[in-house]
Amino acid sequence: MLYKKYRLYNEGIEVMIPSGLKRSTSRFAVQNSFVSDNGRIVVNIARGVSDLTQECLITRMDEYYRKFAKDVPSFDCLKIHKRQFLDDLFGEFRYRSDMMGYQFYNVFILGIYGGRELVVTMQCVQDEAQENERVFDNIADSIRILKKGRDMED
């Protein structure tokens, strides 16, 4: 599978997205979305408005987890762990959900960019989870906070 490199947010973040996913238009300047032609795979990368520090990352992950467990239909957490990208710590959890009668496989990653939340979500239909798990790992492993992004103030 071929990947294309994207530099986001004034080139402060770099990520590799499979060439089969096309950039979708979004009205929100804080969000970058990529979707497959058939709409069965979606990747969103968004800057949050909430301040976040490394010390608060685990607490914020716990807040998201509890909110998802409460609000997401048929929330079934599969894995929770920390990810290290160079000097940056990210939290991640993977879960299954059911919306409008469809089962989805979801990856939620929370990190820090410019002192604020950086949220990466990836989703595919559950019956394609096994084939897309490696793709989602590759996307997550490719995330880089570039030096310019570390020094940016919003």
Protein backbone atom coordinates (compact mmCIF):
# COMPACT_ATOMS: atom_id res chain seq x y z
CA MET A 1 0.00 0.00 0.00
CA LEU A 2 1.31 3.44 -0.91
CA TYR A 3 1.16 6.35 1.52
CA LYS A 4 1.20 10.10 0.97
CA LYS A 5 2.84 12.51 3.41
CA TYR A 6 0.72 15.42 4.65
CA ARG A 7 1.96 18.37 6.65
CA LEU A 8 -0.81 19.93 8.68
CA TYR A 9 -1.29 23.04 10.79
CA ASN A 10 1.32 25.33 9.27
CA GLU A 11 3.48 22.25 8.72
CA GLY A 12 3.74 21.58 12.45
CA ILE A 13 2.39 18.03 12.19
CA GLU A 14 3.35 15.37 9.69
CA VAL A 15 1.33 12.24 9.00
CA MET A 16 1.32 9.52 6.35
CA ILE A 17 -2.12 8.65 4.93
CA PRO A 18 -2.78 5.72 2.55
CA SER A 19 -3.14 6.90 -1.04
CA GLY A 20 -6.57 5.21 -1.17
CA LEU A 21 -7.90 7.81 1.27
CA LYS A 22 -8.69 11.21 -0.16
CA ARG A 23 -8.76 14.48 1.71
CA SER A 24 -12.34 15.50 2.36
CA THR A 25 -13.49 19.06 2.61
CA SER A 26 -14.20 20.36 6.06
CA ARG A 27 -15.61 23.66 7.13
CA PHE A 28 -13.47 23.60 10.24
CA ALA A 29 -9.90 24.88 9.99
CA VAL A 30 -8.93 22.81 13.04
CA GLN A 31 -9.90 19.48 11.45
CA ASN A 32 -8.33 17.46 8.64
CA SER A 33 -10.38 14.56 7.32
CA PHE A 34 -9.54 11.73 4.97
CA VAL A 35 -12.03 9.20 3.63
CA SER A 36 -11.99 6.17 1.35
CA ASP A 37 -13.92 6.28 -1.92
CA ASN A 38 -16.60 3.98 -0.53
CA GLY A 39 -16.81 5.92 2.77
CA ARG A 40 -16.02 2.82 4.86
CA ILE A 41 -12.74 4.21 6.25
CA VAL A 42 -12.47 7.64 7.87
CA VAL A 43 -9.48 9.37 9.46
CA ASN A 44 -9.86 12.68 11.31
CA ILE A 45 -7.06 14.77 12.79
CA ALA A 46 -8.24 17.71 14.86
CA ARG A 47 -6.76 20.31 17.16
CA GLY A 48 -8.82 20.69 20.27
CA VAL A 49 -9.64 23.91 22.03
CA SER A 50 -8.81 22.59 25.49
CA ASP A 51 -5.39 23.19 27.00
CA LEU A 52 -3.43 20.03 27.70
CA THR A 53 -0.10 19.20 29.31
CA GLN A 54 1.80 15.92 29.60
CA GLU A 55 0.88 15.83 33.29
CA CYS A 56 -2.85 15.97 32.47
CA LEU A 57 -2.81 13.59 29.50
CA ILE A 58 -3.77 10.43 31.42
CA THR A 59 -6.53 12.26 33.30
CA ARG A 60 -7.94 13.60 30.03
CA MET A 61 -7.76 10.12 28.46
CA ASP A 62 -9.75 8.79 31.41
CA GLU A 63 -12.36 11.53 30.90
CA TYR A 64 -12.72 10.63 27.22
CA TYR A 65 -12.94 6.93 28.05
CA ARG A 66 -15.71 7.46 30.61
CA LYS A 67 -17.61 9.75 28.23
CA PHE A 68 -17.36 7.24 25.37
CA ALA A 69 -18.37 4.35 27.64
CA LYS A 70 -21.45 6.33 28.64
CA ASP A 71 -22.43 7.93 25.30
CA VAL A 72 -21.29 5.55 22.54
CA PRO A 73 -23.81 2.80 21.73
CA SER A 74 -22.42 -0.70 22.37
CA PHE A 75 -19.02 0.65 23.47
CA ASP A 76 -16.63 -2.30 23.77
CA CYS A 77 -13.05 -1.28 24.63
CA LEU A 78 -10.48 -3.60 23.08
CA LYS A 79 -7.17 -2.03 24.09
CA ILE A 80 -5.79 0.96 26.01
CA HIS A 81 -2.15 1.99 25.92
CA LYS A 82 0.36 4.81 25.67
CA ARG A 83 2.18 5.67 22.46
CA GLN A 84 5.53 7.42 22.31
CA PHE A 85 6.35 9.45 19.18
CA LEU A 86 9.89 10.77 19.56
CA ASP A 87 9.59 12.95 22.69
CA ASP A 88 5.80 13.09 22.59
CA LEU A 89 3.50 10.91 24.69
CA PHE A 90 0.08 10.04 23.32
CA GLY A 91 -2.75 8.01 24.82
CA GLU A 92 -4.73 5.56 22.69
CA PHE A 93 -7.72 3.32 23.02
CA ARG A 94 -9.36 1.06 20.49
CA TYR A 95 -12.99 0.08 20.69
CA ARG A 96 -15.98 -1.33 18.87
CA SER A 97 -19.21 0.57 18.59
CA ASP A 98 -22.61 0.18 17.06
CA MET A 99 -24.29 3.08 15.32
CA MET A 100 -27.48 2.89 13.29
CA GLY A 101 -27.18 -0.89 13.12
CA TYR A 102 -23.57 -0.90 11.83
CA GLN A 103 -20.62 -2.24 13.81
CA PHE A 104 -17.49 -0.05 13.71
CA TYR A 105 -13.86 -0.51 14.73
CA ASN A 106 -12.46 2.73 16.15
CA VAL A 107 -9.05 4.05 17.17
CA PHE A 108 -8.91 7.17 19.36
CA ILE A 109 -5.55 8.87 19.96
CA LEU A 110 -5.02 11.90 22.19
CA GLY A 111 -1.82 13.93 22.24
CA ILE A 112 -0.58 17.47 22.62
CA TYR A 113 0.12 20.05 19.93
CA GLY A 114 1.00 23.63 20.81
CA GLY A 115 -0.29 23.15 24.37
CA ARG A 116 -3.69 21.98 23.15
CA GLU A 117 -5.32 18.65 22.47
CA LEU A 118 -4.49 16.83 19.27
CA VAL A 119 -7.16 14.22 18.57
CA VAL A 120 -6.76 11.55 15.90
CA THR A 121 -9.71 9.27 15.20
CA MET A 122 -9.79 6.40 12.74
CA GLN A 123 -12.82 4.31 11.94
CA CYS A 124 -13.82 1.48 9.64
CA VAL A 125 -16.66 -0.98 9.51
CA GLN A 126 -16.08 -3.87 11.91
CA ASP A 127 -15.86 -6.56 9.22
CA GLU A 128 -12.82 -4.70 7.78
CA ALA A 129 -11.12 -4.22 11.16
CA GLN A 130 -8.52 -6.95 10.76
CA GLU A 131 -7.29 -5.70 7.38
CA ASN A 132 -7.29 -2.05 8.50
CA GLU A 133 -5.68 -2.51 11.91
CA ARG A 134 -2.21 -2.51 10.33
CA VAL A 135 -3.11 0.55 8.22
CA PHE A 136 -4.28 2.38 11.34
CA ASP A 137 -1.06 1.39 13.13
CA ASN A 138 0.97 2.78 10.21
CA ILE A 139 -0.94 6.06 10.30
CA ALA A 140 -0.52 6.35 14.08
CA ASP A 141 3.17 5.45 13.91
CA SER A 142 3.73 8.11 11.24
CA ILE A 143 2.47 11.05 13.33
CA ARG A 144 5.26 13.51 13.98
CA ILE A 145 5.12 16.79 15.82
CA LEU A 146 7.68 18.83 13.93
CA LYS A 147 9.96 21.30 15.71
CA LYS A 148 8.14 24.27 14.24
CA GLY A 149 4.91 22.96 15.77
CA ARG A 150 6.42 22.73 19.24
CA ASP A 151 7.14 26.44 19.33
CA MET A 152 3.83 27.63 17.87
CA GLU A 153 1.48 29.71 19.92
CA ASP A 154 -2.20 29.86 18.96
